[in-house]
Protein backbone atom coordinates (compact mmCIF):
# COMPACT_ATOMS: atom_id res chain seq x y z
CA MET A 1 -19.40 38.68 18.76
CA SER A 2 -19.60 35.37 17.23
CA GLU A 3 -21.65 34.07 14.38
CA LEU A 4 -23.88 31.26 16.10
CA VAL A 5 -25.14 28.35 14.19
CA LEU A 6 -27.41 26.11 16.14
CA VAL A 7 -26.97 22.08 15.21
CA GLY A 8 -29.87 20.75 14.95
CA GLU A 9 -32.08 18.10 13.42
CA LYS A 10 -30.23 18.16 9.68
CA PRO A 11 -27.70 16.05 8.32
CA ALA A 12 -24.04 17.05 9.75
CA SER A 13 -22.86 17.61 6.16
CA SER A 14 -25.41 20.56 6.37
CA TYR A 15 -23.91 22.05 9.77
CA VAL A 16 -20.24 21.18 7.96
CA LEU A 17 -20.97 23.17 4.99
CA GLU A 18 -22.39 26.03 6.67
CA LEU A 19 -19.38 26.20 8.99
CA MET A 20 -17.23 26.30 6.19
CA GLU A 21 -18.55 28.48 4.04
CA ARG A 22 -18.90 31.02 7.25
CA LEU A 23 -14.96 30.70 7.35
CA ARG A 24 -14.14 31.02 3.85
CA ARG A 25 -16.56 34.52 4.17
CA GLY A 26 -13.62 35.63 6.62
CA GLU A 27 -14.99 34.95 9.74
CA LYS A 28 -12.81 34.41 12.55
CA LYS A 29 -14.81 32.57 15.12
CA VAL A 30 -18.19 30.80 14.78
CA LEU A 31 -20.27 29.56 17.79
CA LEU A 32 -21.70 26.39 17.57
CA LYS A 33 -24.37 24.95 20.20
CA ALA A 34 -26.42 21.92 19.87
CA LEU A 35 -28.97 20.46 22.90
CA GLY A 36 -29.44 16.82 23.89
CA HIS A 37 -28.78 13.79 21.17
CA ASN A 38 -27.45 16.57 19.02
CA ILE A 39 -24.27 17.40 21.23
CA SER A 40 -22.41 14.30 19.38
CA LYS A 41 -23.44 15.82 15.89
CA ALA A 42 -21.66 19.06 17.07
CA ALA A 43 -18.42 17.39 18.19
CA TYR A 44 -18.51 15.86 14.65
CA VAL A 45 -19.16 18.57 12.67
CA THR A 46 -16.08 20.89 14.42
CA GLU A 47 -13.52 17.84 13.82
CA CYS A 48 -14.85 17.28 10.22
CA VAL A 49 -14.09 21.02 9.91
CA LYS A 50 -10.61 20.70 11.75
CA ARG A 51 -9.53 18.04 9.06
CA MET A 52 -10.93 19.99 6.04
CA THR A 53 -9.18 23.07 7.07
CA GLY A 54 -5.88 21.20 7.42
CA GLY A 55 -5.97 22.10 11.36
CA LYS A 56 -6.37 25.38 11.06
CA ILE A 57 -8.90 25.79 13.46
CA ARG A 58 -8.68 25.98 16.79
CA TYR A 59 -11.29 25.19 20.24
CA GLY A 60 -12.01 28.45 22.22
CA LYS A 61 -14.48 28.44 25.04
CA ILE A 62 -16.62 25.05 25.31
CA SER A 63 -19.60 25.19 27.97
CA ILE A 64 -21.43 23.11 28.95
CA TYR A 65 -24.63 22.97 30.80
CA SER A 66 -28.55 22.53 31.64
CA GLU A 67 -30.72 24.42 29.47
CA GLU A 68 -34.67 24.59 30.46
CA VAL A 69 -36.75 24.39 27.08
CA ASP A 70 -40.47 24.32 27.42
CA ARG A 71 -41.67 20.35 26.16
CA GLU A 72 -45.47 19.76 25.71
CA ALA A 73 -46.81 22.18 28.67
CA GLU A 74 -43.77 21.53 31.21
CA GLU A 75 -40.33 22.95 31.75
CA LYS A 76 -37.90 19.94 31.02
CA SER A 77 -34.00 20.60 31.80
CA VAL A 78 -32.12 19.42 28.63
CA PRO A 79 -28.28 19.07 28.35
CA ALA A 80 -26.25 21.63 26.01
CA ILE A 81 -22.76 22.78 24.77
CA GLU A 82 -21.66 25.69 23.02
CA ILE A 83 -18.13 25.23 20.98
CA GLU A 84 -16.36 28.51 20.03
CA VAL A 85 -14.41 27.68 16.59
CA LEU A 86 -11.72 30.03 15.72
CA TYR A 87 -10.04 30.05 12.52
CA GLU A 88 -5.99 30.88 12.12
CA GLY A 89 -5.77 30.38 8.30
């Protein structure tokens, strides 16, 4: 099972460091998940890490879907993405 990193409101650099630390610890597969406007941040984070590792990561399964979330006493459909990052170093 892959480890999950939920990309949210923190600066992108926080998620880059988190992902790099997990890869440094020897994890070979990490799953990034983001909702709504944080989707572009997740894509940016994976590309930064790819450059920082000299291209030693590749993408596994990438899923794009809608997720139902409770907002202000009603359910809303929010776009979501999951990016599987595979380390080959």
